[in-house]
Amino acid sequence: MIFEKKQINLKDGRTCILRPAEAKDSEALIEALRIVSSETPFLLRNEDEVTMTVEAEEQFLKTKSGHPREIMMVADVDGVLSGNCVIMSVGELRRISHRCRFAISLKKAYWGLGIASALMDYAFSLAKEMGYEQVELEVVDGNDRAKRLYERFGFWETGKHYRSIKYDDGSYRDEYTMVKIL
């Protein structure tokens, strides 16, 4: 889906531009994923597993921008890609076409400025425009900060995937499934 840029004021006085991800963002998106993967144990991949090529990322972004019911949004602060989020279709079959999935990541240096809330607010309004009725996500057990944010936006826990995440040290974490009605 093509959508308009949106400017927001951050808690520290700076401005942030929420905009569609473009092919030119590919390298910055890969690097942001590498950074965020090193900063938190709550993403699905380790830093060394961020192996996609710029060309593959460009193709992925073209697919997202050309899809009428999906988006990839980035947050740009002073020319730096600080975070991103995605709305993905669960499927086009009529019985599931009302559902979409949501994922978000934000570099730690930009936490607490209101960017995650702004990304979510804008993404969910676009999801509603695209005809979705509910948004679904997973959150890793122990990621209390994210879980509180999701609950503030109206998500509630609907289930749990036991031992969903396995770390290199052999330990496991569960994942909670959450849903929000738009």
N, C-alpha and C. Protein backbone atom coordinates (compact mmCIF):
# COMPACT_ATOMS: atom_id res chain seq x y z
N MET A 1 0.85 -1.18 0.00
CA MET A 1 0.00 0.00 0.00
C MET A 1 0.89 1.24 0.00
N ILE A 2 0.52 2.18 -0.77
CA ILE A 2 1.21 3.46 -0.78
C ILE A 2 0.51 4.36 0.23
N PHE A 3 1.30 5.01 1.08
CA PHE A 3 0.71 5.90 2.09
C PHE A 3 1.57 7.15 2.23
N GLU A 4 0.98 8.17 2.81
CA GLU A 4 1.64 9.47 2.95
C GLU A 4 2.66 9.49 4.08
N LYS A 5 3.67 10.32 3.91
CA LYS A 5 4.61 10.58 4.99
C LYS A 5 3.87 11.30 6.11
N LYS A 6 4.36 11.10 7.32
CA LYS A 6 3.76 11.77 8.47
C LYS A 6 4.88 12.24 9.39
N GLN A 7 4.83 13.50 9.79
CA GLN A 7 5.84 14.05 10.70
C GLN A 7 5.29 14.06 12.11
N ILE A 8 6.13 13.61 13.05
CA ILE A 8 5.74 13.63 14.46
C ILE A 8 6.82 14.35 15.26
N ASN A 9 6.42 14.93 16.36
CA ASN A 9 7.36 15.58 17.28
C ASN A 9 7.71 14.59 18.37
N LEU A 10 9.01 14.44 18.60
CA LEU A 10 9.48 13.50 19.62
C LEU A 10 9.55 14.18 20.98
N LYS A 11 9.60 13.37 22.01
CA LYS A 11 9.65 13.87 23.38
C LYS A 11 10.88 14.73 23.67
N ASP A 12 11.94 14.55 22.88
CA ASP A 12 13.16 15.34 23.09
C ASP A 12 13.22 16.58 22.20
N GLY A 13 12.11 16.88 21.50
CA GLY A 13 12.04 18.08 20.67
C GLY A 13 12.39 17.86 19.20
N ARG A 14 13.02 16.75 18.86
CA ARG A 14 13.34 16.48 17.46
C ARG A 14 12.08 16.06 16.72
N THR A 15 12.18 16.02 15.40
CA THR A 15 11.07 15.52 14.59
C THR A 15 11.46 14.18 13.99
N CYS A 16 10.45 13.42 13.68
CA CYS A 16 10.61 12.10 13.08
C CYS A 16 9.66 12.01 11.91
N ILE A 17 10.12 11.46 10.82
CA ILE A 17 9.28 11.25 9.64
C ILE A 17 8.93 9.76 9.56
N LEU A 18 7.65 9.46 9.57
CA LEU A 18 7.16 8.10 9.33
C LEU A 18 6.83 8.04 7.86
N ARG A 19 7.40 7.07 7.16
CA ARG A 19 7.22 7.02 5.71
C ARG A 19 7.34 5.59 5.21
N PRO A 20 6.87 5.38 3.98
CA PRO A 20 7.04 4.04 3.39
C PRO A 20 8.52 3.73 3.19
N ALA A 21 8.91 2.50 3.46
CA ALA A 21 10.28 2.07 3.16
C ALA A 21 10.44 2.01 1.65
N GLU A 22 11.60 2.41 1.19
CA GLU A 22 11.90 2.42 -0.24
C GLU A 22 13.12 1.55 -0.50
N ALA A 23 13.32 1.19 -1.75
CA ALA A 23 14.47 0.36 -2.11
C ALA A 23 15.77 0.98 -1.64
N LYS A 24 15.87 2.30 -1.67
CA LYS A 24 17.10 2.97 -1.24
C LYS A 24 17.37 2.79 0.26
N ASP A 25 16.38 2.33 1.02
CA ASP A 25 16.53 2.09 2.46
C ASP A 25 17.10 0.70 2.78
N SER A 26 17.29 -0.11 1.76
CA SER A 26 17.65 -1.52 1.98
C SER A 26 18.87 -1.70 2.87
N GLU A 27 19.94 -1.02 2.55
CA GLU A 27 21.17 -1.18 3.34
C GLU A 27 20.95 -0.71 4.78
N ALA A 28 20.27 0.42 4.95
CA ALA A 28 20.01 0.96 6.30
C ALA A 28 19.09 0.04 7.09
N LEU A 29 18.12 -0.59 6.43
CA LEU A 29 17.22 -1.52 7.12
C LEU A 29 17.97 -2.77 7.58
N ILE A 30 18.85 -3.27 6.74
CA ILE A 30 19.65 -4.45 7.12
C ILE A 30 20.55 -4.10 8.31
N GLU A 31 21.18 -2.94 8.26
CA GLU A 31 22.06 -2.53 9.36
C GLU A 31 21.25 -2.30 10.64
N ALA A 32 20.06 -1.72 10.52
CA ALA A 32 19.21 -1.51 11.70
C ALA A 32 18.81 -2.84 12.31
N LEU A 33 18.50 -3.83 11.48
CA LEU A 33 18.15 -5.16 12.00
C LEU A 33 19.35 -5.78 12.72
N ARG A 34 20.53 -5.60 12.15
CA ARG A 34 21.75 -6.10 12.79
C ARG A 34 21.93 -5.45 14.18
N ILE A 35 21.75 -4.14 14.23
CA ILE A 35 21.92 -3.40 15.49
C ILE A 35 20.88 -3.85 16.51
N VAL A 36 19.62 -3.85 16.12
CA VAL A 36 18.55 -4.22 17.06
C VAL A 36 18.71 -5.67 17.52
N SER A 37 19.13 -6.54 16.62
CA SER A 37 19.33 -7.95 16.99
C SER A 37 20.44 -8.11 18.01
N SER A 38 21.39 -7.18 18.01
CA SER A 38 22.48 -7.24 19.00
C SER A 38 22.08 -6.58 20.32
N GLU A 39 21.05 -5.73 20.29
CA GLU A 39 20.66 -4.97 21.48
C GLU A 39 19.62 -5.66 22.35
N THR A 40 18.92 -6.63 21.80
CA THR A 40 17.84 -7.27 22.55
C THR A 40 17.77 -8.76 22.26
N PRO A 41 17.42 -9.55 23.26
CA PRO A 41 17.24 -10.99 23.03
C PRO A 41 15.81 -11.33 22.61
N PHE A 42 15.01 -10.33 22.30
CA PHE A 42 13.59 -10.56 22.06
C PHE A 42 13.19 -10.62 20.59
N LEU A 43 14.15 -10.54 19.68
CA LEU A 43 13.84 -10.73 18.27
C LEU A 43 14.08 -12.19 17.90
N LEU A 44 13.63 -12.58 16.73
CA LEU A 44 13.72 -13.99 16.34
C LEU A 44 15.10 -14.41 15.90
N ARG A 45 15.93 -13.45 15.52
CA ARG A 45 17.24 -13.83 14.99
C ARG A 45 18.36 -13.20 15.80
N ASN A 46 19.52 -13.84 15.73
CA ASN A 46 20.74 -13.30 16.31
C ASN A 46 21.38 -12.36 15.29
N GLU A 47 22.25 -11.51 15.78
CA GLU A 47 22.93 -10.55 14.91
C GLU A 47 23.62 -11.23 13.74
N ASP A 48 24.28 -12.37 13.97
CA ASP A 48 25.01 -13.05 12.90
C ASP A 48 24.08 -13.74 11.89
N GLU A 49 22.79 -13.76 12.18
CA GLU A 49 21.83 -14.36 11.26
C GLU A 49 21.18 -13.33 10.34
N VAL A 50 21.61 -12.10 10.44
CA VAL A 50 21.14 -11.05 9.52
C VAL A 50 22.04 -11.14 8.29
N THR A 51 21.61 -11.95 7.34
CA THR A 51 22.46 -12.28 6.20
C THR A 51 21.86 -11.92 4.84
N MET A 52 20.69 -11.27 4.84
CA MET A 52 20.09 -10.95 3.55
C MET A 52 20.95 -9.93 2.79
N THR A 53 20.89 -10.02 1.50
CA THR A 53 21.65 -9.10 0.66
C THR A 53 20.83 -7.84 0.43
N VAL A 54 21.50 -6.80 0.02
CA VAL A 54 20.82 -5.54 -0.31
C VAL A 54 19.82 -5.81 -1.44
N GLU A 55 20.21 -6.61 -2.40
CA GLU A 55 19.32 -6.91 -3.54
C GLU A 55 18.06 -7.65 -3.08
N ALA A 56 18.22 -8.60 -2.18
CA ALA A 56 17.07 -9.34 -1.66
C ALA A 56 16.15 -8.41 -0.86
N GLU A 57 16.74 -7.52 -0.09
CA GLU A 57 15.95 -6.56 0.69
C GLU A 57 15.21 -5.60 -0.23
N GLU A 58 15.87 -5.16 -1.29
CA GLU A 58 15.22 -4.29 -2.27
C GLU A 58 14.00 -4.98 -2.87
N GLN A 59 14.14 -6.25 -3.21
CA GLN A 59 13.04 -7.01 -3.78
C GLN A 59 11.90 -7.15 -2.78
N PHE A 60 12.24 -7.43 -1.52
CA PHE A 60 11.24 -7.54 -0.45
C PHE A 60 10.46 -6.23 -0.32
N LEU A 61 11.17 -5.11 -0.33
CA LEU A 61 10.52 -3.80 -0.18
C LEU A 61 9.63 -3.48 -1.38
N LYS A 62 10.05 -3.87 -2.58
CA LYS A 62 9.21 -3.66 -3.76
C LYS A 62 7.92 -4.46 -3.65
N THR A 63 8.03 -5.68 -3.13
CA THR A 63 6.85 -6.52 -2.93
C THR A 63 5.89 -5.86 -1.95
N LYS A 64 6.44 -5.34 -0.85
CA LYS A 64 5.59 -4.68 0.17
C LYS A 64 4.92 -3.44 -0.41
N SER A 65 5.68 -2.60 -1.09
CA SER A 65 5.11 -1.34 -1.59
C SER A 65 4.07 -1.60 -2.68
N GLY A 66 4.21 -2.70 -3.41
CA GLY A 66 3.26 -3.02 -4.46
C GLY A 66 2.04 -3.79 -3.98
N HIS A 67 2.05 -4.24 -2.74
CA HIS A 67 0.94 -5.02 -2.20
C HIS A 67 -0.14 -4.07 -1.68
N PRO A 68 -1.39 -4.27 -2.11
CA PRO A 68 -2.46 -3.34 -1.69
C PRO A 68 -2.84 -3.44 -0.21
N ARG A 69 -2.42 -4.52 0.47
CA ARG A 69 -2.84 -4.70 1.86
C ARG A 69 -1.66 -4.99 2.80
N GLU A 70 -0.48 -4.50 2.44
CA GLU A 70 0.69 -4.65 3.31
C GLU A 70 1.50 -3.36 3.28
N ILE A 71 2.20 -3.09 4.38
CA ILE A 71 3.08 -1.93 4.43
C ILE A 71 4.37 -2.27 5.16
N MET A 72 5.41 -1.55 4.82
CA MET A 72 6.66 -1.51 5.58
C MET A 72 6.90 -0.02 5.80
N MET A 73 6.89 0.40 7.07
CA MET A 73 7.05 1.79 7.43
C MET A 73 8.36 1.98 8.18
N VAL A 74 9.06 3.07 7.88
CA VAL A 74 10.28 3.38 8.60
C VAL A 74 10.11 4.69 9.36
N ALA A 75 10.89 4.82 10.42
CA ALA A 75 10.96 6.04 11.21
C ALA A 75 12.33 6.67 10.96
N ASP A 76 12.32 7.88 10.46
CA ASP A 76 13.54 8.59 10.08
C ASP A 76 13.72 9.78 11.01
N VAL A 77 14.81 9.79 11.79
CA VAL A 77 15.12 10.89 12.70
C VAL A 77 16.44 11.50 12.25
N ASP A 78 16.38 12.74 11.79
CA ASP A 78 17.59 13.44 11.34
C ASP A 78 18.36 12.63 10.30
N GLY A 79 17.65 11.99 9.39
CA GLY A 79 18.29 11.22 8.34
C GLY A 79 18.77 9.84 8.75
N VAL A 80 18.48 9.43 9.99
CA VAL A 80 18.88 8.12 10.49
C VAL A 80 17.65 7.24 10.61
N LEU A 81 17.71 6.06 10.03
CA LEU A 81 16.62 5.11 10.16
C LEU A 81 16.66 4.55 11.59
N SER A 82 15.70 4.96 12.41
CA SER A 82 15.71 4.59 13.83
C SER A 82 14.90 3.34 14.13
N GLY A 83 13.93 3.03 13.27
CA GLY A 83 13.09 1.86 13.48
C GLY A 83 12.18 1.63 12.31
N ASN A 84 11.40 0.57 12.42
CA ASN A 84 10.45 0.25 11.36
C ASN A 84 9.34 -0.64 11.90
N CYS A 85 8.30 -0.74 11.12
CA CYS A 85 7.23 -1.69 11.45
C CYS A 85 6.63 -2.20 10.15
N VAL A 86 5.91 -3.30 10.27
CA VAL A 86 5.31 -3.93 9.09
C VAL A 86 3.92 -4.43 9.44
N ILE A 87 3.01 -4.27 8.49
CA ILE A 87 1.69 -4.89 8.54
C ILE A 87 1.68 -5.91 7.40
N MET A 88 1.40 -7.18 7.74
CA MET A 88 1.40 -8.25 6.75
C MET A 88 0.06 -8.97 6.77
N SER A 89 -0.43 -9.30 5.63
CA SER A 89 -1.67 -10.06 5.52
C SER A 89 -1.48 -11.48 6.06
N VAL A 90 -2.46 -11.98 6.78
CA VAL A 90 -2.44 -13.38 7.19
C VAL A 90 -2.76 -14.24 5.97
N GLY A 91 -3.62 -13.74 5.09
CA GLY A 91 -3.98 -14.45 3.87
C GLY A 91 -5.13 -13.78 3.17
N GLU A 92 -5.32 -14.13 1.92
CA GLU A 92 -6.36 -13.49 1.11
C GLU A 92 -7.68 -14.27 1.09
N LEU A 93 -7.68 -15.49 1.63
CA LEU A 93 -8.93 -16.25 1.68
C LEU A 93 -9.96 -15.49 2.51
N ARG A 94 -11.21 -15.51 2.11
CA ARG A 94 -12.25 -14.70 2.77
C ARG A 94 -12.33 -14.94 4.26
N ARG A 95 -12.13 -16.17 4.70
CA ARG A 95 -12.30 -16.49 6.12
C ARG A 95 -11.17 -15.92 7.00
N ILE A 96 -10.05 -15.56 6.40
CA ILE A 96 -8.94 -15.01 7.19
C ILE A 96 -8.50 -13.62 6.72
N SER A 97 -9.15 -13.08 5.71
CA SER A 97 -8.70 -11.81 5.14
C SER A 97 -8.94 -10.62 6.06
N HIS A 98 -9.64 -10.80 7.15
CA HIS A 98 -9.88 -9.73 8.12
C HIS A 98 -8.71 -9.57 9.10
N ARG A 99 -7.74 -10.49 9.04
CA ARG A 99 -6.63 -10.53 10.00
C ARG A 99 -5.32 -10.07 9.37
N CYS A 100 -4.52 -9.35 10.16
CA CYS A 100 -3.17 -9.00 9.73
C CYS A 100 -2.21 -9.20 10.89
N ARG A 101 -0.93 -9.28 10.54
CA ARG A 101 0.13 -9.47 11.53
C ARG A 101 0.94 -8.18 11.60
N PHE A 102 1.50 -7.93 12.76
CA PHE A 102 2.26 -6.71 13.01
C PHE A 102 3.61 -7.06 13.64
N ALA A 103 4.65 -6.37 13.21
CA ALA A 103 5.97 -6.51 13.83
C ALA A 103 6.62 -5.13 13.84
N ILE A 104 7.45 -4.91 14.85
CA ILE A 104 8.09 -3.60 15.02
C ILE A 104 9.48 -3.80 15.60
N SER A 105 10.41 -2.91 15.24
CA SER A 105 11.72 -2.88 15.89
C SER A 105 12.20 -1.44 15.92
N LEU A 106 12.97 -1.14 16.96
CA LEU A 106 13.44 0.22 17.18
C LEU A 106 14.81 0.16 17.84
N LYS A 107 15.76 0.90 17.30
CA LYS A 107 17.09 0.94 17.90
C LYS A 107 16.99 1.48 19.33
N LYS A 108 17.77 0.92 20.22
CA LYS A 108 17.71 1.27 21.64
C LYS A 108 17.95 2.76 21.89
N ALA A 109 18.79 3.39 21.09
CA ALA A 109 19.08 4.82 21.26
C ALA A 109 17.83 5.68 21.07
N TYR A 110 16.78 5.11 20.48
CA TYR A 110 15.56 5.87 20.20
C TYR A 110 14.37 5.44 21.07
N TRP A 111 14.62 4.58 22.04
CA TRP A 111 13.56 4.16 22.95
C TRP A 111 13.12 5.35 23.80
N GLY A 112 11.86 5.36 24.18
CA GLY A 112 11.34 6.36 25.11
C GLY A 112 11.05 7.72 24.50
N LEU A 113 11.12 7.84 23.18
CA LEU A 113 10.88 9.13 22.53
C LEU A 113 9.48 9.23 21.91
N GLY A 114 8.73 8.14 21.93
CA GLY A 114 7.39 8.14 21.35
C GLY A 114 7.33 7.59 19.93
N ILE A 115 8.46 7.10 19.43
CA ILE A 115 8.49 6.60 18.05
C ILE A 115 7.68 5.32 17.90
N ALA A 116 7.86 4.37 18.82
CA ALA A 116 7.11 3.11 18.71
C ALA A 116 5.61 3.36 18.76
N SER A 117 5.17 4.22 19.65
CA SER A 117 3.74 4.54 19.74
C SER A 117 3.24 5.19 18.45
N ALA A 118 4.04 6.10 17.88
CA ALA A 118 3.64 6.76 16.64
C ALA A 118 3.58 5.77 15.48
N LEU A 119 4.58 4.88 15.39
CA LEU A 119 4.56 3.85 14.35
C LEU A 119 3.30 2.99 14.47
N MET A 120 3.00 2.57 15.69
CA MET A 120 1.83 1.71 15.91
C MET A 120 0.54 2.45 15.58
N ASP A 121 0.40 3.66 16.05
CA ASP A 121 -0.81 4.44 15.81
C ASP A 121 -1.07 4.60 14.32
N TYR A 122 -0.03 4.99 13.58
CA TYR A 122 -0.19 5.20 12.14
C TYR A 122 -0.41 3.86 11.42
N ALA A 123 0.34 2.85 11.78
CA ALA A 123 0.20 1.54 11.13
C ALA A 123 -1.21 0.97 11.33
N PHE A 124 -1.75 1.11 12.53
CA PHE A 124 -3.07 0.55 12.79
C PHE A 124 -4.17 1.33 12.08
N SER A 125 -3.99 2.64 11.92
CA SER A 125 -4.98 3.40 11.14
C SER A 125 -4.92 2.97 9.68
N LEU A 126 -3.71 2.71 9.16
CA LEU A 126 -3.58 2.22 7.78
C LEU A 126 -4.15 0.81 7.64
N ALA A 127 -3.95 -0.02 8.66
CA ALA A 127 -4.51 -1.38 8.62
C ALA A 127 -6.03 -1.32 8.51
N LYS A 128 -6.62 -0.42 9.24
CA LYS A 128 -8.08 -0.26 9.18
C LYS A 128 -8.50 0.20 7.79
N GLU A 129 -7.76 1.15 7.22
CA GLU A 129 -8.02 1.62 5.85
C GLU A 129 -7.94 0.48 4.85
N MET A 130 -7.02 -0.46 5.09
CA MET A 130 -6.84 -1.59 4.17
C MET A 130 -7.91 -2.66 4.36
N GLY A 131 -8.81 -2.46 5.32
CA GLY A 131 -9.92 -3.38 5.51
C GLY A 131 -9.71 -4.44 6.57
N TYR A 132 -8.62 -4.36 7.32
CA TYR A 132 -8.40 -5.33 8.38
C TYR A 132 -9.28 -5.01 9.59
N GLU A 133 -9.67 -6.06 10.30
CA GLU A 133 -10.49 -5.92 11.50
C GLU A 133 -9.73 -6.25 12.76
N GLN A 134 -8.65 -7.02 12.62
CA GLN A 134 -7.85 -7.35 13.80
C GLN A 134 -6.39 -7.48 13.44
N VAL A 135 -5.55 -7.13 14.44
CA VAL A 135 -4.10 -7.18 14.31
C VAL A 135 -3.59 -8.21 15.30
N GLU A 136 -2.63 -9.03 14.85
CA GLU A 136 -2.07 -10.09 15.69
C GLU A 136 -0.56 -9.94 15.76
N LEU A 137 0.02 -10.34 16.89
CA LEU A 137 1.47 -10.30 17.05
C LEU A 137 1.90 -11.33 18.08
N GLU A 138 3.21 -11.54 18.17
CA GLU A 138 3.80 -12.37 19.21
C GLU A 138 4.79 -11.52 19.97
N VAL A 139 4.90 -11.79 21.27
CA VAL A 139 5.88 -11.10 22.10
C VAL A 139 6.56 -12.14 22.99
N VAL A 140 7.89 -12.06 23.06
CA VAL A 140 8.67 -13.04 23.81
C VAL A 140 8.50 -12.80 25.31
N ASP A 141 8.33 -13.88 26.05
CA ASP A 141 8.22 -13.82 27.51
C ASP A 141 9.43 -13.08 28.07
N GLY A 142 9.18 -12.13 28.93
CA GLY A 142 10.25 -11.33 29.51
C GLY A 142 10.38 -9.96 28.86
N ASN A 143 9.79 -9.78 27.69
CA ASN A 143 9.81 -8.48 27.03
C ASN A 143 8.66 -7.63 27.57
N ASP A 144 8.76 -7.33 28.86
CA ASP A 144 7.68 -6.64 29.57
C ASP A 144 7.42 -5.25 29.02
N ARG A 145 8.47 -4.56 28.62
CA ARG A 145 8.32 -3.21 28.08
C ARG A 145 7.42 -3.23 26.84
N ALA A 146 7.70 -4.14 25.92
CA ALA A 146 6.89 -4.24 24.70
C ALA A 146 5.47 -4.70 25.03
N LYS A 147 5.35 -5.66 25.92
CA LYS A 147 4.02 -6.18 26.27
C LYS A 147 3.14 -5.07 26.86
N ARG A 148 3.71 -4.23 27.72
CA ARG A 148 2.96 -3.11 28.29
C ARG A 148 2.52 -2.14 27.20
N LEU A 149 3.42 -1.87 26.24
CA LEU A 149 3.09 -0.99 25.13
C LEU A 149 1.93 -1.57 24.32
N TYR A 150 2.00 -2.85 24.01
CA TYR A 150 0.93 -3.48 23.24
C TYR A 150 -0.39 -3.43 24.01
N GLU A 151 -0.34 -3.68 25.29
CA GLU A 151 -1.57 -3.63 26.11
C GLU A 151 -2.15 -2.21 26.13
N ARG A 152 -1.28 -1.21 26.16
CA ARG A 152 -1.76 0.18 26.11
C ARG A 152 -2.50 0.47 24.81
N PHE A 153 -2.12 -0.22 23.76
CA PHE A 153 -2.78 -0.05 22.47
C PHE A 153 -3.99 -0.97 22.29
N GLY A 154 -4.38 -1.67 23.34
CA GLY A 154 -5.59 -2.49 23.27
C GLY A 154 -5.39 -3.95 22.94
N PHE A 155 -4.14 -4.42 22.90
CA PHE A 155 -3.89 -5.84 22.67
C PHE A 155 -4.14 -6.60 23.96
N TRP A 156 -4.57 -7.84 23.82
CA TRP A 156 -4.65 -8.72 24.97
C TRP A 156 -4.10 -10.08 24.58
N GLU A 157 -3.63 -10.78 25.59
CA GLU A 157 -3.01 -12.08 25.39
C GLU A 157 -4.07 -13.11 25.05
N THR A 158 -3.79 -13.91 24.01
CA THR A 158 -4.75 -14.94 23.58
C THR A 158 -4.18 -16.35 23.65
N GLY A 159 -2.88 -16.47 23.89
CA GLY A 159 -2.30 -17.81 23.96
C GLY A 159 -0.81 -17.74 24.17
N LYS A 160 -0.21 -18.93 24.18
CA LYS A 160 1.22 -19.01 24.43
C LYS A 160 1.81 -20.15 23.61
N HIS A 161 2.97 -19.87 23.03
CA HIS A 161 3.77 -20.91 22.36
C HIS A 161 4.89 -21.27 23.33
N TYR A 162 4.84 -22.46 23.88
CA TYR A 162 5.84 -22.89 24.84
C TYR A 162 7.17 -23.16 24.16
N ARG A 163 8.25 -22.74 24.82
CA ARG A 163 9.61 -22.97 24.34
C ARG A 163 9.77 -22.54 22.88
N SER A 164 9.15 -21.46 22.52
CA SER A 164 9.13 -20.98 21.15
C SER A 164 10.50 -20.48 20.68
N ILE A 165 11.25 -19.92 21.60
CA ILE A 165 12.56 -19.36 21.28
C ILE A 165 13.62 -20.17 22.01
N LYS A 166 14.65 -20.59 21.27
CA LYS A 166 15.78 -21.31 21.88
C LYS A 166 17.05 -20.50 21.66
N TYR A 167 17.72 -20.19 22.75
CA TYR A 167 18.95 -19.40 22.70
C TYR A 167 20.17 -20.30 22.55
N ASP A 168 21.27 -19.68 22.15
CA ASP A 168 22.52 -20.42 21.94
C ASP A 168 23.00 -21.14 23.19
N ASP A 169 22.65 -20.61 24.38
CA ASP A 169 23.09 -21.26 25.62
C ASP A 169 22.21 -22.45 26.01
N GLY A 170 21.22 -22.76 25.17
CA GLY A 170 20.34 -23.90 25.43
C GLY A 170 19.07 -23.56 26.20
N SER A 171 18.94 -22.32 26.65
CA SER A 171 17.73 -21.91 27.38
C SER A 171 16.60 -21.59 26.40
N TYR A 172 15.38 -21.59 26.92
CA TYR A 172 14.19 -21.35 26.10
C TYR A 172 13.39 -20.19 26.67
N ARG A 173 12.56 -19.60 25.82
CA ARG A 173 11.57 -18.61 26.24
C ARG A 173 10.28 -18.92 25.50
N ASP A 174 9.18 -18.69 26.20
CA ASP A 174 7.87 -18.81 25.57
C ASP A 174 7.57 -17.53 24.80
N GLU A 175 6.58 -17.61 23.93
CA GLU A 175 6.07 -16.44 23.23
C GLU A 175 4.58 -16.34 23.49
N TYR A 176 4.11 -15.14 23.75
CA TYR A 176 2.68 -14.90 23.92
C TYR A 176 2.10 -14.40 22.61
N THR A 177 0.95 -14.90 22.24
CA THR A 177 0.21 -14.36 21.11
C THR A 177 -0.73 -13.30 21.65
N MET A 178 -0.86 -12.21 20.92
CA MET A 178 -1.73 -11.11 21.34
C MET A 178 -2.56 -10.66 20.15
N VAL A 179 -3.72 -10.09 20.43
CA VAL A 179 -4.61 -9.61 19.37
C VAL A 179 -5.21 -8.28 19.77
N LYS A 180 -5.50 -7.48 18.77
CA LYS A 180 -6.18 -6.18 18.95
C LYS A 180 -7.28 -6.10 17.89
N ILE A 181 -8.47 -5.75 18.33
CA ILE A 181 -9.57 -5.52 17.40
C ILE A 181 -9.51 -4.06 16.97
N LEU A 182 -9.55 -3.83 15.66
CA LEU A 182 -9.49 -2.45 15.16
C LEU A 182 -10.86 -1.77 15.19
